[in-house]
Amino acid sequence: MKRQKRDMYARAFKRGYLAGVSGKSKDSCPVEQPDVRQEWLNGWREGRQDNWEGMIGVSGIHKLATITS
């Protein structure tokens, strides 16, 4: 049985969010495709905002679970 691939936009957002929460630069975006890169940057911006608001560690992960669901 084949596994269904996850949505690449959701995956890019999640990875961008994790990069933003951990304080990485937006220049560290590994994505080349413009649409997918935009999703990564959207996730990065939201992650940085949560980092600045103090939502790091478990509280940030809980928010990520609600965003990607």
N, C-alpha and C. Protein backbone atom coordinates (compact mmCIF):
# COMPACT_ATOMS: atom_id res chain seq x y z
N MET A 1 0.84 -1.17 0.00
CA MET A 1 0.00 0.00 0.00
C MET A 1 0.89 1.25 0.00
N LYS A 2 0.60 2.15 -0.90
CA LYS A 2 1.38 3.37 -0.99
C LYS A 2 0.92 4.37 0.06
N ARG A 3 1.90 5.11 0.57
CA ARG A 3 1.56 6.19 1.50
C ARG A 3 1.22 7.44 0.70
N GLN A 4 0.19 8.10 1.12
CA GLN A 4 -0.20 9.33 0.44
C GLN A 4 0.77 10.43 0.85
N LYS A 5 1.27 11.17 -0.13
CA LYS A 5 2.19 12.26 0.17
C LYS A 5 1.45 13.40 0.84
N ARG A 6 2.14 14.03 1.77
CA ARG A 6 1.57 15.20 2.42
C ARG A 6 1.60 16.39 1.47
N ASP A 7 0.75 17.32 1.71
CA ASP A 7 0.69 18.54 0.91
C ASP A 7 2.01 19.29 1.06
N MET A 8 2.67 19.62 -0.05
CA MET A 8 3.98 20.26 0.04
C MET A 8 3.87 21.68 0.58
N TYR A 9 2.72 22.33 0.40
CA TYR A 9 2.56 23.66 0.96
C TYR A 9 2.45 23.62 2.48
N ALA A 10 1.71 22.67 2.99
CA ALA A 10 1.59 22.52 4.45
C ALA A 10 2.93 22.14 5.06
N ARG A 11 3.65 21.27 4.37
CA ARG A 11 4.97 20.86 4.87
C ARG A 11 5.94 22.03 4.87
N ALA A 12 5.90 22.87 3.83
CA ALA A 12 6.77 24.04 3.76
C ALA A 12 6.42 25.03 4.87
N PHE A 13 5.12 25.24 5.11
CA PHE A 13 4.70 26.14 6.18
C PHE A 13 5.20 25.64 7.53
N LYS A 14 5.06 24.35 7.77
CA LYS A 14 5.48 23.77 9.04
C LYS A 14 6.98 23.91 9.24
N ARG A 15 7.74 23.63 8.21
CA ARG A 15 9.20 23.75 8.33
C ARG A 15 9.63 25.20 8.50
N GLY A 16 8.94 26.11 7.83
CA GLY A 16 9.23 27.52 8.01
C GLY A 16 8.88 27.99 9.41
N TYR A 17 7.77 27.51 9.92
CA TYR A 17 7.36 27.86 11.29
C TYR A 17 8.41 27.39 12.29
N LEU A 18 8.87 26.16 12.13
CA LEU A 18 9.87 25.61 13.04
C LEU A 18 11.18 26.40 12.95
N ALA A 19 11.54 26.83 11.77
CA ALA A 19 12.75 27.65 11.60
C ALA A 19 12.56 29.00 12.28
N GLY A 20 11.39 29.59 12.13
CA GLY A 20 11.12 30.88 12.75
C GLY A 20 11.11 30.82 14.26
N VAL A 21 10.50 29.79 14.82
CA VAL A 21 10.44 29.64 16.27
C VAL A 21 11.84 29.43 16.85
N SER A 22 12.68 28.73 16.11
CA SER A 22 14.02 28.47 16.61
C SER A 22 14.97 29.64 16.38
N GLY A 23 14.50 30.71 15.72
CA GLY A 23 15.29 31.92 15.57
C GLY A 23 16.18 31.95 14.35
N LYS A 24 15.96 31.07 13.41
CA LYS A 24 16.78 31.06 12.20
C LYS A 24 16.39 32.21 11.27
N SER A 25 17.33 32.58 10.43
CA SER A 25 17.12 33.66 9.47
C SER A 25 16.22 33.19 8.33
N LYS A 26 15.49 34.14 7.74
CA LYS A 26 14.66 33.77 6.59
C LYS A 26 15.50 33.46 5.37
N ASP A 27 16.77 33.85 5.39
CA ASP A 27 17.67 33.51 4.30
C ASP A 27 18.02 32.03 4.27
N SER A 28 17.66 31.30 5.32
CA SER A 28 17.96 29.87 5.38
C SER A 28 16.88 29.04 4.70
N CYS A 29 15.97 29.68 3.98
CA CYS A 29 14.90 28.98 3.27
C CYS A 29 15.49 28.07 2.20
N PRO A 30 15.24 26.77 2.28
CA PRO A 30 15.83 25.84 1.32
C PRO A 30 15.01 25.66 0.03
N VAL A 31 13.88 26.34 -0.08
CA VAL A 31 12.94 26.10 -1.17
C VAL A 31 13.22 27.06 -2.33
N GLU A 32 13.17 26.53 -3.55
CA GLU A 32 13.40 27.34 -4.74
C GLU A 32 12.11 27.73 -5.46
N GLN A 33 11.07 26.88 -5.39
CA GLN A 33 9.82 27.14 -6.10
C GLN A 33 9.11 28.34 -5.46
N PRO A 34 8.69 29.32 -6.26
CA PRO A 34 8.13 30.56 -5.70
C PRO A 34 6.90 30.36 -4.80
N ASP A 35 5.95 29.52 -5.20
CA ASP A 35 4.74 29.34 -4.39
C ASP A 35 5.05 28.64 -3.07
N VAL A 36 5.88 27.62 -3.14
CA VAL A 36 6.23 26.87 -1.94
C VAL A 36 7.11 27.73 -1.03
N ARG A 37 7.99 28.52 -1.65
CA ARG A 37 8.84 29.42 -0.86
C ARG A 37 7.99 30.43 -0.10
N GLN A 38 6.92 30.93 -0.73
CA GLN A 38 6.04 31.89 -0.06
C GLN A 38 5.38 31.26 1.17
N GLU A 39 4.96 30.01 1.05
CA GLU A 39 4.38 29.31 2.20
C GLU A 39 5.41 29.14 3.32
N TRP A 40 6.65 28.82 2.96
CA TRP A 40 7.72 28.67 3.95
C TRP A 40 7.92 30.00 4.67
N LEU A 41 7.94 31.10 3.91
CA LEU A 41 8.13 32.42 4.51
C LEU A 41 6.95 32.81 5.39
N ASN A 42 5.72 32.44 4.99
CA ASN A 42 4.55 32.70 5.84
C ASN A 42 4.69 31.96 7.17
N GLY A 43 5.11 30.71 7.11
CA GLY A 43 5.33 29.96 8.33
C GLY A 43 6.45 30.55 9.16
N TRP A 44 7.51 31.00 8.49
CA TRP A 44 8.65 31.60 9.20
C TRP A 44 8.22 32.87 9.93
N ARG A 45 7.42 33.71 9.26
CA ARG A 45 6.94 34.95 9.90
C ARG A 45 6.09 34.66 11.13
N GLU A 46 5.21 33.68 11.00
CA GLU A 46 4.37 33.33 12.14
C GLU A 46 5.21 32.74 13.28
N GLY A 47 6.20 31.94 12.93
CA GLY A 47 7.09 31.38 13.93
C GLY A 47 7.90 32.43 14.64
N ARG A 48 8.39 33.41 13.90
CA ARG A 48 9.16 34.50 14.52
C ARG A 48 8.27 35.31 15.46
N GLN A 49 7.05 35.57 15.04
CA GLN A 49 6.12 36.31 15.89
C GLN A 49 5.87 35.55 17.19
N ASP A 50 5.66 34.25 17.08
CA ASP A 50 5.44 33.45 18.28
C ASP A 50 6.69 33.40 19.16
N ASN A 51 7.85 33.40 18.53
CA ASN A 51 9.10 33.42 19.29
C ASN A 51 9.20 34.72 20.07
N TRP A 52 8.89 35.83 19.44
CA TRP A 52 8.95 37.13 20.11
C TRP A 52 7.93 37.22 21.24
N GLU A 53 6.80 36.53 21.10
CA GLU A 53 5.77 36.55 22.13
C GLU A 53 6.05 35.54 23.24
N GLY A 54 7.13 34.79 23.11
CA GLY A 54 7.51 33.85 24.16
C GLY A 54 6.93 32.46 24.00
N MET A 55 6.33 32.17 22.87
CA MET A 55 5.76 30.83 22.66
C MET A 55 6.82 29.90 22.10
N ILE A 56 7.72 29.50 22.96
CA ILE A 56 8.78 28.59 22.54
C ILE A 56 8.62 27.29 23.29
N GLY A 57 9.24 26.26 22.81
CA GLY A 57 9.14 24.97 23.47
C GLY A 57 7.79 24.31 23.23
N VAL A 58 7.20 23.79 24.27
CA VAL A 58 5.96 23.02 24.16
C VAL A 58 4.80 23.89 23.68
N SER A 59 4.70 25.12 24.14
CA SER A 59 3.57 25.96 23.74
C SER A 59 3.61 26.26 22.25
N GLY A 60 4.79 26.41 21.66
CA GLY A 60 4.91 26.63 20.23
C GLY A 60 4.51 25.40 19.43
N ILE A 61 4.88 24.23 19.94
CA ILE A 61 4.53 22.98 19.26
C ILE A 61 3.04 22.76 19.29
N HIS A 62 2.39 23.08 20.40
CA HIS A 62 0.94 22.93 20.48
C HIS A 62 0.25 23.83 19.46
N LYS A 63 0.75 25.03 19.28
CA LYS A 63 0.15 25.94 18.30
C LYS A 63 0.35 25.38 16.90
N LEU A 64 1.52 24.83 16.63
CA LEU A 64 1.80 24.26 15.32
C LEU A 64 0.85 23.12 15.02
N ALA A 65 0.52 22.31 16.00
CA ALA A 65 -0.40 21.20 15.79
C ALA A 65 -1.79 21.72 15.41
N THR A 66 -2.20 22.85 15.95
CA THR A 66 -3.52 23.38 15.62
C THR A 66 -3.52 24.08 14.28
N ILE A 67 -2.38 24.64 13.87
CA ILE A 67 -2.30 25.34 12.60
C ILE A 67 -2.37 24.35 11.45
N THR A 68 -1.61 23.26 11.52
CA THR A 68 -1.51 22.34 10.40
C THR A 68 -2.66 21.35 10.34
N SER A 69 -3.54 21.33 11.31
CA SER A 69 -4.66 20.39 11.29
C SER A 69 -5.78 20.87 10.42
